[in-house]
Each structure stands twice: as structure tokens, then as C-alpha cells.
N, C-alpha and C. Protein backbone atom coordinates (compact mmCIF):
# COMPACT_ATOMS: atom_id res chain seq x y z
N MET A 1 0.89 -1.17 0.00
CA MET A 1 -0.03 -0.03 -0.02
C MET A 1 0.90 1.26 -0.02
N ASN A 2 0.42 2.21 -0.65
CA ASN A 2 1.23 3.47 -0.80
C ASN A 2 1.05 4.34 0.52
N GLU A 3 2.08 5.11 0.78
CA GLU A 3 1.97 5.92 2.01
C GLU A 3 0.96 7.11 1.63
N LEU A 4 0.04 7.42 2.47
CA LEU A 4 -0.87 8.56 2.26
C LEU A 4 -0.20 9.84 2.50
N LEU A 5 -0.45 10.80 1.60
CA LEU A 5 0.23 12.06 1.59
C LEU A 5 -0.75 13.13 2.03
N THR A 6 -0.30 14.06 2.78
CA THR A 6 -1.13 15.23 3.08
C THR A 6 -1.01 16.14 1.90
N VAL A 7 -1.96 17.11 1.77
CA VAL A 7 -1.96 18.10 0.69
C VAL A 7 -0.59 18.86 0.73
N GLU A 8 -0.24 19.16 1.94
CA GLU A 8 1.00 20.01 2.14
C GLU A 8 2.21 19.13 1.60
N ASP A 9 2.30 17.92 2.02
CA ASP A 9 3.45 17.09 1.54
C ASP A 9 3.45 16.87 0.07
N TYR A 10 2.22 16.68 -0.49
CA TYR A 10 2.00 16.48 -1.90
C TYR A 10 2.51 17.68 -2.65
N ASN A 11 2.11 18.84 -2.34
CA ASN A 11 2.59 20.01 -3.05
C ASN A 11 4.02 20.34 -2.89
N LYS A 12 4.64 20.00 -1.70
CA LYS A 12 6.13 20.24 -1.53
C LYS A 12 6.96 19.41 -2.48
N LYS A 13 6.40 18.26 -2.99
CA LYS A 13 7.14 17.35 -3.87
C LYS A 13 7.20 17.85 -5.33
N ILE A 14 6.30 18.88 -5.65
CA ILE A 14 6.38 19.43 -7.00
C ILE A 14 7.41 20.48 -7.01
N LYS A 15 8.48 20.26 -7.64
CA LYS A 15 9.66 21.15 -7.64
C LYS A 15 9.33 22.33 -8.55
N ARG A 16 9.02 22.09 -9.84
CA ARG A 16 8.87 23.17 -10.79
C ARG A 16 8.15 22.54 -11.97
N VAL A 17 7.35 23.38 -12.70
CA VAL A 17 6.72 22.92 -13.99
C VAL A 17 7.67 23.04 -15.06
N LEU A 18 7.83 21.96 -15.80
CA LEU A 18 8.70 21.87 -16.96
C LEU A 18 7.97 22.10 -18.24
N ILE A 19 6.78 21.47 -18.44
CA ILE A 19 5.98 21.63 -19.61
C ILE A 19 4.60 21.98 -19.20
N THR A 20 4.07 23.12 -19.72
CA THR A 20 2.73 23.69 -19.27
C THR A 20 1.68 22.79 -19.96
N GLU A 21 0.51 22.97 -19.42
CA GLU A 21 -0.70 22.39 -19.87
C GLU A 21 -0.96 22.83 -21.40
N GLU A 22 -0.71 24.14 -21.60
CA GLU A 22 -0.89 24.69 -22.94
C GLU A 22 0.12 24.11 -23.93
N GLN A 23 1.34 23.97 -23.57
CA GLN A 23 2.34 23.34 -24.45
C GLN A 23 1.98 21.91 -24.81
N ILE A 24 1.48 21.24 -23.88
CA ILE A 24 1.11 19.79 -24.11
C ILE A 24 -0.08 19.79 -25.10
N THR A 25 -1.05 20.71 -24.79
CA THR A 25 -2.26 20.68 -25.74
C THR A 25 -1.86 20.96 -27.21
N GLU A 26 -0.98 22.04 -27.43
CA GLU A 26 -0.50 22.33 -28.65
C GLU A 26 0.23 21.22 -29.41
N ALA A 27 1.13 20.48 -28.63
CA ALA A 27 1.89 19.41 -29.26
C ALA A 27 1.02 18.27 -29.58
N ILE A 28 -0.05 17.93 -28.78
CA ILE A 28 -0.95 16.90 -29.14
C ILE A 28 -1.80 17.17 -30.36
N ARG A 29 -2.20 18.45 -30.46
CA ARG A 29 -2.87 18.81 -31.59
C ARG A 29 -2.16 18.54 -32.95
N LYS A 30 -0.91 19.03 -32.82
CA LYS A 30 0.06 18.73 -33.97
C LYS A 30 0.25 17.25 -34.28
N ALA A 31 0.34 16.50 -33.29
CA ALA A 31 0.61 15.01 -33.45
C ALA A 31 -0.71 14.37 -33.97
N GLY A 32 -1.83 14.78 -33.50
CA GLY A 32 -3.08 14.27 -33.97
C GLY A 32 -3.24 14.60 -35.43
N LYS A 33 -2.86 15.75 -35.88
CA LYS A 33 -2.95 16.11 -37.26
C LYS A 33 -2.05 15.30 -38.13
N GLU A 34 -0.83 15.08 -37.61
CA GLU A 34 0.16 14.30 -38.36
C GLU A 34 -0.38 12.79 -38.59
N ILE A 35 -0.97 12.22 -37.58
CA ILE A 35 -1.52 10.88 -37.59
C ILE A 35 -2.63 10.90 -38.56
N SER A 36 -3.58 11.83 -38.46
CA SER A 36 -4.79 11.89 -39.31
C SER A 36 -4.33 12.02 -40.82
N ASP A 37 -3.35 12.82 -41.16
CA ASP A 37 -2.84 13.09 -42.50
C ASP A 37 -2.11 11.81 -42.94
N SER A 38 -1.42 11.10 -42.06
CA SER A 38 -0.65 9.89 -42.57
C SER A 38 -1.48 8.60 -42.84
N TYR A 39 -2.59 8.49 -42.07
CA TYR A 39 -3.30 7.35 -42.09
C TYR A 39 -4.75 7.41 -42.58
N ASP A 40 -5.08 8.43 -43.33
CA ASP A 40 -6.39 8.71 -43.86
C ASP A 40 -6.90 7.52 -44.51
N GLY A 41 -8.00 6.91 -44.12
CA GLY A 41 -8.61 5.84 -44.80
C GLY A 41 -8.17 4.37 -44.46
N ARG A 42 -7.05 4.35 -43.71
CA ARG A 42 -6.51 3.04 -43.36
C ARG A 42 -6.81 2.72 -41.92
N PRO A 43 -6.95 1.47 -41.58
CA PRO A 43 -7.39 1.14 -40.15
C PRO A 43 -6.17 1.43 -39.24
N ILE A 44 -6.52 2.20 -38.12
CA ILE A 44 -5.45 2.56 -37.08
C ILE A 44 -5.88 2.02 -35.81
N LEU A 45 -4.92 1.48 -35.05
CA LEU A 45 -5.17 0.99 -33.73
C LEU A 45 -4.16 1.79 -32.79
N LEU A 46 -4.63 2.53 -31.99
CA LEU A 46 -3.83 3.27 -30.97
C LEU A 46 -3.70 2.47 -29.73
N VAL A 47 -2.46 2.12 -29.30
CA VAL A 47 -2.28 1.17 -28.23
C VAL A 47 -1.66 1.99 -27.02
N SER A 48 -2.44 2.17 -25.97
CA SER A 48 -1.93 2.94 -24.79
C SER A 48 -1.19 1.96 -23.86
N ILE A 49 -0.05 2.39 -23.41
CA ILE A 49 0.67 1.60 -22.39
C ILE A 49 0.26 2.21 -21.04
N LEU A 50 -0.54 1.39 -20.21
CA LEU A 50 -1.07 1.74 -18.95
C LEU A 50 0.03 1.65 -17.84
N LYS A 51 0.01 2.32 -16.80
CA LYS A 51 -0.99 3.33 -16.51
C LYS A 51 -0.67 4.75 -17.04
N GLY A 52 0.60 4.99 -17.10
CA GLY A 52 0.98 6.38 -17.29
C GLY A 52 0.52 7.03 -18.64
N ALA A 53 0.17 6.39 -19.60
CA ALA A 53 -0.13 6.89 -20.94
C ALA A 53 -1.62 7.15 -21.06
N PHE A 54 -2.44 6.84 -20.04
CA PHE A 54 -3.86 6.91 -20.26
C PHE A 54 -4.36 8.34 -20.54
N VAL A 55 -3.74 9.37 -19.82
CA VAL A 55 -4.14 10.77 -20.03
C VAL A 55 -3.73 11.27 -21.43
N PHE A 56 -2.53 10.97 -21.91
CA PHE A 56 -2.04 11.20 -23.19
C PHE A 56 -2.89 10.58 -24.29
N MET A 57 -3.25 9.30 -23.99
CA MET A 57 -4.01 8.53 -25.00
C MET A 57 -5.35 9.27 -25.23
N ALA A 58 -5.95 9.62 -24.11
CA ALA A 58 -7.33 10.23 -24.20
C ALA A 58 -7.33 11.53 -24.98
N ASP A 59 -6.28 12.27 -24.85
CA ASP A 59 -6.22 13.58 -25.47
C ASP A 59 -5.79 13.35 -27.01
N LEU A 60 -4.87 12.43 -27.20
CA LEU A 60 -4.38 12.17 -28.61
C LEU A 60 -5.45 11.56 -29.45
N CYS A 61 -6.19 10.61 -28.90
CA CYS A 61 -7.24 9.97 -29.76
C CYS A 61 -8.31 10.97 -30.13
N ARG A 62 -8.57 11.99 -29.22
CA ARG A 62 -9.58 13.03 -29.59
C ARG A 62 -8.99 14.07 -30.55
N ALA A 63 -7.64 14.09 -30.70
CA ALA A 63 -7.01 14.88 -31.73
C ALA A 63 -6.93 14.27 -33.14
N VAL A 64 -7.12 12.98 -33.15
CA VAL A 64 -7.13 12.21 -34.39
C VAL A 64 -8.46 12.39 -35.03
N THR A 65 -8.45 12.77 -36.31
CA THR A 65 -9.80 13.10 -36.96
C THR A 65 -10.26 11.98 -37.96
N VAL A 66 -9.49 10.93 -38.01
CA VAL A 66 -9.93 9.80 -38.96
C VAL A 66 -10.35 8.64 -37.97
N PRO A 67 -11.07 7.71 -38.47
CA PRO A 67 -11.45 6.53 -37.64
C PRO A 67 -10.26 5.83 -37.07
N CYS A 68 -10.34 5.51 -35.83
CA CYS A 68 -9.32 4.70 -35.15
C CYS A 68 -9.94 3.90 -34.02
N GLU A 69 -9.33 2.97 -33.65
CA GLU A 69 -9.68 2.05 -32.53
C GLU A 69 -8.60 2.20 -31.44
N ILE A 70 -8.85 1.76 -30.27
CA ILE A 70 -7.97 1.85 -29.17
C ILE A 70 -7.78 0.55 -28.46
N GLY A 71 -6.57 0.39 -27.94
CA GLY A 71 -6.35 -0.87 -27.23
C GLY A 71 -5.44 -0.50 -26.01
N PHE A 72 -5.31 -1.38 -25.09
CA PHE A 72 -4.56 -1.09 -23.91
C PHE A 72 -3.71 -2.35 -23.56
N MET A 73 -2.51 -1.89 -23.05
CA MET A 73 -1.50 -2.90 -22.57
C MET A 73 -1.01 -2.36 -21.29
N CYS A 74 -0.63 -3.19 -20.38
CA CYS A 74 -0.01 -2.76 -19.19
C CYS A 74 1.31 -3.45 -19.02
N ALA A 75 2.39 -2.59 -18.82
CA ALA A 75 3.71 -3.12 -18.70
C ALA A 75 4.32 -2.51 -17.42
N LYS A 76 4.76 -3.34 -16.54
CA LYS A 76 5.34 -2.71 -15.26
C LYS A 76 6.91 -2.67 -15.36
N CYS A 77 7.33 -1.59 -14.90
CA CYS A 77 8.81 -1.48 -14.71
C CYS A 77 9.10 -0.60 -13.50
N TYR A 78 8.33 0.41 -13.29
CA TYR A 78 8.65 1.38 -12.14
C TYR A 78 8.04 0.94 -10.83
N TYR A 79 7.12 0.40 -10.48
CA TYR A 79 6.65 0.09 -9.11
C TYR A 79 6.59 1.35 -8.32
N ASN A 80 7.06 1.37 -7.00
CA ASN A 80 6.83 2.42 -6.16
C ASN A 80 7.96 3.49 -6.02
N GLY A 81 9.03 3.33 -6.72
CA GLY A 81 10.15 4.28 -6.48
C GLY A 81 10.43 5.18 -7.60
N THR A 82 11.47 5.86 -7.64
CA THR A 82 11.85 6.74 -8.76
C THR A 82 12.88 6.13 -9.53
N VAL A 83 13.44 4.84 -9.40
CA VAL A 83 14.41 4.30 -10.09
C VAL A 83 13.72 2.95 -10.79
N SER A 84 14.00 2.89 -11.99
CA SER A 84 13.46 1.66 -12.87
C SER A 84 14.12 0.43 -12.26
N THR A 85 13.28 -0.61 -12.10
CA THR A 85 13.79 -1.96 -11.71
C THR A 85 14.47 -2.74 -12.84
N GLY A 86 14.27 -2.32 -14.02
CA GLY A 86 14.97 -2.96 -15.16
C GLY A 86 14.30 -4.25 -15.61
N ASN A 87 13.26 -4.66 -14.90
CA ASN A 87 12.43 -5.88 -15.32
C ASN A 87 11.20 -5.36 -15.96
N VAL A 88 10.88 -5.92 -17.15
CA VAL A 88 9.59 -5.46 -17.87
C VAL A 88 8.67 -6.65 -17.91
N THR A 89 7.54 -6.48 -17.43
CA THR A 89 6.46 -7.54 -17.30
C THR A 89 5.22 -7.03 -17.97
N ILE A 90 4.63 -7.76 -18.88
CA ILE A 90 3.40 -7.44 -19.52
C ILE A 90 2.34 -8.02 -18.63
N THR A 91 1.59 -7.22 -17.98
CA THR A 91 0.54 -7.60 -17.09
C THR A 91 -0.93 -7.59 -17.69
N MET A 92 -1.11 -6.95 -18.78
CA MET A 92 -2.33 -6.85 -19.53
C MET A 92 -2.05 -6.71 -21.00
N ASP A 93 -2.54 -7.63 -21.82
CA ASP A 93 -2.23 -7.64 -23.23
C ASP A 93 -3.44 -7.25 -24.12
N LEU A 94 -3.15 -6.95 -25.33
CA LEU A 94 -4.21 -6.53 -26.27
C LEU A 94 -5.21 -7.60 -26.54
N GLU A 95 -6.47 -7.22 -26.82
CA GLU A 95 -7.49 -8.24 -27.29
C GLU A 95 -7.55 -8.30 -28.74
N GLN A 96 -7.12 -7.33 -29.48
CA GLN A 96 -7.31 -7.31 -30.92
C GLN A 96 -6.17 -8.19 -31.66
N ASP A 97 -6.63 -8.60 -32.86
CA ASP A 97 -5.64 -9.25 -33.79
C ASP A 97 -5.16 -8.08 -34.56
N ILE A 98 -3.85 -7.73 -34.27
CA ILE A 98 -3.33 -6.52 -34.80
C ILE A 98 -2.75 -6.61 -36.33
N SER A 99 -2.88 -7.76 -36.86
CA SER A 99 -2.39 -8.01 -38.20
C SER A 99 -3.27 -7.18 -39.24
N LYS A 100 -4.32 -6.70 -38.91
CA LYS A 100 -5.22 -5.94 -39.77
C LYS A 100 -5.07 -4.42 -39.47
N TYR A 101 -4.09 -3.95 -38.75
CA TYR A 101 -4.08 -2.61 -38.36
C TYR A 101 -2.66 -1.93 -38.53
N HIS A 102 -2.67 -0.59 -38.70
CA HIS A 102 -1.45 0.15 -38.52
C HIS A 102 -1.53 0.52 -37.11
N VAL A 103 -0.54 0.07 -36.31
CA VAL A 103 -0.52 0.16 -34.86
C VAL A 103 0.39 1.32 -34.48
N ILE A 104 -0.18 2.16 -33.59
CA ILE A 104 0.65 3.28 -33.03
C ILE A 104 0.62 3.04 -31.62
N ILE A 105 1.78 2.77 -30.98
CA ILE A 105 1.96 2.64 -29.52
C ILE A 105 2.07 4.10 -29.04
N VAL A 106 1.16 4.35 -27.98
CA VAL A 106 1.15 5.69 -27.34
C VAL A 106 1.72 5.47 -25.98
N GLU A 107 2.78 6.08 -25.77
CA GLU A 107 3.65 6.01 -24.48
C GLU A 107 3.68 7.35 -23.75
N ASP A 108 3.80 7.36 -22.47
CA ASP A 108 4.00 8.52 -21.79
C ASP A 108 5.44 8.98 -21.68
N ILE A 109 6.35 8.09 -21.40
CA ILE A 109 7.86 8.48 -21.29
C ILE A 109 8.65 7.37 -21.70
N ILE A 110 9.68 7.60 -22.41
CA ILE A 110 10.67 6.52 -22.80
C ILE A 110 11.99 6.96 -21.98
N ASP A 111 12.29 6.11 -21.15
CA ASP A 111 13.46 6.38 -20.19
C ASP A 111 14.62 5.49 -20.65
N THR A 112 14.69 4.28 -20.05
CA THR A 112 15.70 3.34 -20.31
C THR A 112 15.48 2.78 -21.78
N GLY A 113 14.32 2.68 -22.21
CA GLY A 113 13.90 2.09 -23.48
C GLY A 113 13.63 0.64 -23.39
N ARG A 114 13.90 0.01 -22.25
CA ARG A 114 13.74 -1.45 -22.15
C ARG A 114 12.23 -1.82 -22.31
N THR A 115 11.26 -1.04 -21.71
CA THR A 115 9.90 -1.41 -21.77
C THR A 115 9.43 -1.35 -23.21
N LEU A 116 9.71 -0.21 -23.84
CA LEU A 116 9.21 -0.07 -25.28
C LEU A 116 9.91 -1.04 -26.27
N LYS A 117 11.14 -1.31 -26.10
CA LYS A 117 11.85 -2.27 -26.91
C LYS A 117 11.15 -3.66 -26.76
N ASP A 118 10.81 -4.04 -25.62
CA ASP A 118 10.20 -5.33 -25.41
C ASP A 118 8.76 -5.28 -26.01
N ILE A 119 8.03 -4.24 -25.82
CA ILE A 119 6.68 -4.16 -26.27
C ILE A 119 6.73 -4.18 -27.95
N VAL A 120 7.70 -3.40 -28.42
CA VAL A 120 7.73 -3.29 -29.89
C VAL A 120 8.04 -4.67 -30.50
N GLU A 121 8.99 -5.33 -29.89
CA GLU A 121 9.40 -6.72 -30.36
C GLU A 121 8.12 -7.66 -30.30
N LEU A 122 7.40 -7.59 -29.14
CA LEU A 122 6.30 -8.47 -29.02
C LEU A 122 5.18 -8.11 -30.12
N LEU A 123 4.95 -6.82 -30.32
CA LEU A 123 3.80 -6.52 -31.27
C LEU A 123 4.30 -6.70 -32.74
N LYS A 124 5.58 -6.55 -33.05
CA LYS A 124 6.05 -6.91 -34.41
C LYS A 124 5.87 -8.28 -34.74
N SER A 125 6.01 -9.16 -33.68
CA SER A 125 5.94 -10.62 -33.96
C SER A 125 4.45 -11.00 -34.31
N ARG A 126 3.50 -10.05 -34.11
CA ARG A 126 2.11 -10.32 -34.46
C ARG A 126 1.71 -9.72 -35.80
N ASN A 127 2.72 -9.20 -36.49
CA ASN A 127 2.57 -8.74 -37.91
C ASN A 127 1.52 -7.78 -38.23
N PRO A 128 1.66 -6.58 -37.52
CA PRO A 128 0.76 -5.48 -37.93
C PRO A 128 1.13 -4.97 -39.28
N ILE A 129 0.18 -4.26 -39.97
CA ILE A 129 0.49 -3.60 -41.26
C ILE A 129 1.74 -2.72 -41.07
N SER A 130 1.74 -1.90 -39.99
CA SER A 130 2.83 -1.11 -39.79
C SER A 130 2.86 -0.81 -38.29
N LEU A 131 4.02 -0.31 -37.65
CA LEU A 131 4.04 -0.21 -36.17
C LEU A 131 4.85 1.14 -36.01
N LYS A 132 4.34 1.99 -35.26
CA LYS A 132 5.07 3.22 -34.82
C LYS A 132 4.88 3.57 -33.44
N VAL A 133 5.80 4.26 -32.79
CA VAL A 133 5.77 4.71 -31.44
C VAL A 133 5.64 6.19 -31.30
N VAL A 134 4.70 6.72 -30.63
CA VAL A 134 4.53 8.09 -30.27
C VAL A 134 4.67 8.25 -28.78
N THR A 135 5.57 9.06 -28.30
CA THR A 135 5.74 9.16 -26.85
C THR A 135 5.56 10.73 -26.49
N LEU A 136 4.91 10.96 -25.39
CA LEU A 136 4.84 12.30 -24.95
C LEU A 136 6.29 12.83 -24.56
N LEU A 137 6.99 11.99 -23.75
CA LEU A 137 8.30 12.52 -23.39
C LEU A 137 9.40 11.47 -23.71
N ASP A 138 10.49 11.98 -24.16
CA ASP A 138 11.66 11.24 -24.42
C ASP A 138 12.81 11.67 -23.50
N LYS A 139 13.49 10.68 -22.80
CA LYS A 139 14.59 11.03 -21.88
C LYS A 139 15.79 10.16 -22.41
N PRO A 140 16.41 10.63 -23.52
CA PRO A 140 17.57 9.81 -24.14
C PRO A 140 18.79 9.63 -23.21
N ALA A 141 18.97 10.57 -22.25
CA ALA A 141 20.08 10.48 -21.39
C ALA A 141 20.11 9.22 -20.55
N ARG A 142 18.92 8.61 -20.38
CA ARG A 142 18.79 7.43 -19.45
C ARG A 142 18.70 6.08 -20.29
N ARG A 143 18.82 6.27 -21.63
CA ARG A 143 18.63 5.00 -22.47
C ARG A 143 19.68 3.96 -22.10
N LYS A 144 19.15 2.70 -21.93
CA LYS A 144 20.01 1.59 -21.65
C LYS A 144 20.07 0.63 -22.99
N VAL A 145 19.10 0.73 -23.77
CA VAL A 145 19.03 -0.04 -24.91
C VAL A 145 18.86 0.86 -26.12
N GLU A 146 19.26 0.39 -27.34
CA GLU A 146 19.01 1.16 -28.54
C GLU A 146 17.50 1.23 -28.87
N PHE A 147 17.03 2.45 -28.80
CA PHE A 147 15.61 2.66 -29.01
C PHE A 147 15.38 4.06 -29.37
N THR A 148 14.65 4.42 -30.48
CA THR A 148 14.28 5.76 -30.86
C THR A 148 12.77 5.73 -31.16
N PRO A 149 11.97 6.62 -30.49
CA PRO A 149 10.58 6.66 -30.95
C PRO A 149 10.40 7.28 -32.35
N ASP A 150 9.32 6.98 -33.03
CA ASP A 150 9.05 7.62 -34.25
C ASP A 150 8.66 9.06 -34.11
N THR A 151 8.00 9.44 -33.08
CA THR A 151 7.59 10.76 -32.66
C THR A 151 7.70 10.89 -31.20
N ALA A 152 8.32 12.00 -30.74
CA ALA A 152 8.51 12.35 -29.35
C ALA A 152 7.99 13.82 -29.26
N LEU A 153 6.95 14.09 -28.52
CA LEU A 153 6.42 15.40 -28.39
C LEU A 153 7.38 16.37 -27.68
N PHE A 154 8.16 15.84 -26.68
CA PHE A 154 9.03 16.66 -25.90
C PHE A 154 10.24 15.73 -25.50
N THR A 155 11.45 16.32 -25.64
CA THR A 155 12.70 15.68 -25.10
C THR A 155 13.04 16.37 -23.85
N ILE A 156 13.27 15.63 -22.81
CA ILE A 156 13.65 16.21 -21.51
C ILE A 156 14.95 15.74 -20.98
N PRO A 157 15.54 16.56 -20.03
CA PRO A 157 16.76 16.08 -19.44
C PRO A 157 16.44 15.00 -18.42
N ASP A 158 17.44 14.53 -17.73
CA ASP A 158 17.34 13.41 -16.80
C ASP A 158 16.77 13.88 -15.55
N TYR A 159 15.52 14.23 -15.39
CA TYR A 159 14.78 14.58 -14.30
C TYR A 159 13.75 13.40 -14.05
N PHE A 160 13.41 13.20 -12.77
CA PHE A 160 12.20 12.34 -12.53
C PHE A 160 11.04 13.27 -12.58
N VAL A 161 10.03 13.02 -13.52
CA VAL A 161 8.97 13.86 -13.80
C VAL A 161 7.62 13.32 -13.42
N ILE A 162 6.72 14.17 -13.11
CA ILE A 162 5.28 13.70 -12.66
C ILE A 162 4.28 14.56 -13.29
N GLY A 163 3.05 14.17 -13.30
CA GLY A 163 1.96 14.80 -13.98
C GLY A 163 1.52 14.32 -15.34
N TYR A 164 0.37 14.78 -15.72
CA TYR A 164 -0.21 14.33 -16.98
C TYR A 164 -0.17 12.89 -17.21
N GLY A 165 -0.45 12.09 -16.23
CA GLY A 165 -0.54 10.59 -16.22
C GLY A 165 0.77 9.96 -15.59
N LEU A 166 1.83 10.70 -15.46
CA LEU A 166 3.02 10.13 -14.86
C LEU A 166 2.88 10.31 -13.33
N ASP A 167 3.43 9.28 -12.64
CA ASP A 167 3.22 9.27 -11.18
C ASP A 167 4.56 9.03 -10.40
N CYS A 168 4.45 9.19 -9.16
CA CYS A 168 5.53 8.71 -8.22
C CYS A 168 4.55 8.09 -7.05
N GLY A 169 4.73 6.71 -6.97
CA GLY A 169 3.92 6.03 -5.92
C GLY A 169 2.51 6.10 -6.07
N GLU A 170 1.99 6.23 -7.38
CA GLU A 170 0.66 6.38 -7.84
C GLU A 170 0.02 7.79 -7.69
N TYR A 171 0.78 8.79 -7.11
CA TYR A 171 0.33 10.17 -7.02
C TYR A 171 0.75 10.91 -8.17
N TYR A 172 0.16 12.13 -8.35
CA TYR A 172 0.47 13.18 -9.29
C TYR A 172 -0.05 12.97 -10.68
N ARG A 173 -0.60 11.82 -10.97
CA ARG A 173 -1.09 11.55 -12.31
C ARG A 173 -2.12 12.64 -12.90
N ASN A 174 -2.82 13.22 -11.89
CA ASN A 174 -3.82 14.17 -12.17
C ASN A 174 -3.35 15.64 -12.42
N LEU A 175 -2.10 15.88 -12.38
CA LEU A 175 -1.62 17.21 -12.68
C LEU A 175 -1.81 17.55 -14.13
N PRO A 176 -2.22 18.68 -14.57
CA PRO A 176 -2.45 18.97 -16.08
C PRO A 176 -1.21 19.31 -16.73
N TYR A 177 -0.09 19.27 -16.08
CA TYR A 177 1.21 19.66 -16.68
C TYR A 177 2.29 18.68 -16.16
N ILE A 178 3.50 18.74 -16.86
CA ILE A 178 4.62 17.93 -16.46
C ILE A 178 5.56 18.74 -15.46
N ALA A 179 5.84 18.16 -14.34
CA ALA A 179 6.67 18.91 -13.37
C ALA A 179 7.93 17.96 -12.91
N GLU A 180 8.82 18.58 -12.43
CA GLU A 180 10.00 17.84 -11.89
C GLU A 180 9.60 17.44 -10.48
N TYR A 181 9.91 16.32 -10.06
CA TYR A 181 9.47 15.71 -8.75
C TYR A 181 10.68 16.01 -7.82
N ASP A 182 10.41 16.52 -6.59
CA ASP A 182 11.46 16.98 -5.67
C ASP A 182 11.29 15.88 -4.52
N GLU A 183 12.24 14.93 -4.65
CA GLU A 183 12.27 13.74 -3.68
C GLU A 183 12.36 14.25 -2.24
N ALA A 184 13.22 15.23 -2.01
CA ALA A 184 13.41 15.77 -0.76
C ALA A 184 12.19 16.50 -0.28
N GLY A 185 11.55 17.34 -1.05
CA GLY A 185 10.24 17.83 -0.70
C GLY A 185 10.25 18.81 0.34
N GLU A 186 11.29 19.66 0.41
CA GLU A 186 11.42 20.62 1.54
C GLU A 186 11.11 21.99 1.25
């Protein structure tokens, strides 16, 4: 069970806003237009990686103006801390046969790259028409494996970030912006 935070302690851990709600909205609008222009008339399956990407997925799918379906996968790597465990486990898989779709993986953040590399390899083995990765945040300074997303809305330095779906111990997902997390929180 996660430690319960008081509102005061919760707010102390938000060090500073890195990407505003307005910046996120504009970047998603552009990404939605690019997807719509690229896949017009062809079957699209947007695949959200839970839990962190659910907010991004909701906004991105509304920015796509052509027919699309959605699917969800859950892959665990971070658990309750601020450091990746390095072990990737698929805890919820897709229901769709993806061989009939252009698949776009919608991710919140690419850090070490391990999670996405494993997911991409798994989904490629299912023979989609095409496969791309769109991530809200890319943190290349932490990359442990060779991996580059097809689209990254923002590239960030090596900060532990929260908000807009990203959490620390399940908190902060509801922030409408991306902020740097202050572990000391003083």
C-alpha cells in the first residue's frame, strides 16, 4: 500500500513545472494532425501503455480526426520508487488481432527504453500492417538499450517527472502539466 500524503506534503514534492498544460495541448494537436494526415482511410489502432499513458491517449485519440480504434496494454517497470527496476512484465495484453491494423503505440515516457523495446518486439511478432511509437516524453540520457521513438512530443533532461499521467507511488497523475519531482520535498 502506498503511503498517504497530506496536501501539504503532496505540494512540496512538485519542484517546478517543466511543460505547461498549454504546451502539451498544442503538441498533441499537431501530433493528432500528423497521424490523421498519414493514415487517412486506413485502419489505425492506438495502443496505450497503462497506466502512465492513459491521459495522453485520451487527448491524442480526440485529436485524431480519422477513424481509429484503441487498445490497452499494461507493462510494469517502475513500481513504487523513482528508479527503474529494469524488469519489464506485460501484465495486460491486447485483445485485438493487430495484423489488420496500422498500430501506433502511445507511451507517456521513454526512459531506459527497455519497456518499449520489449513491447515493440512483441507487437512486431504479431505482424501489424505497420508499427510506430509516439511518446509524450523522451529522456534519451537514461537510455540503456538502442531505441528511438518515431515521434516524441518533448525531449527532456534526466529529471524524474510527474503529472499528466506520470506518477510517483501512484500520486500526481492528475496534474495537468509535467513537473519535476522533488524527492526531498522541503
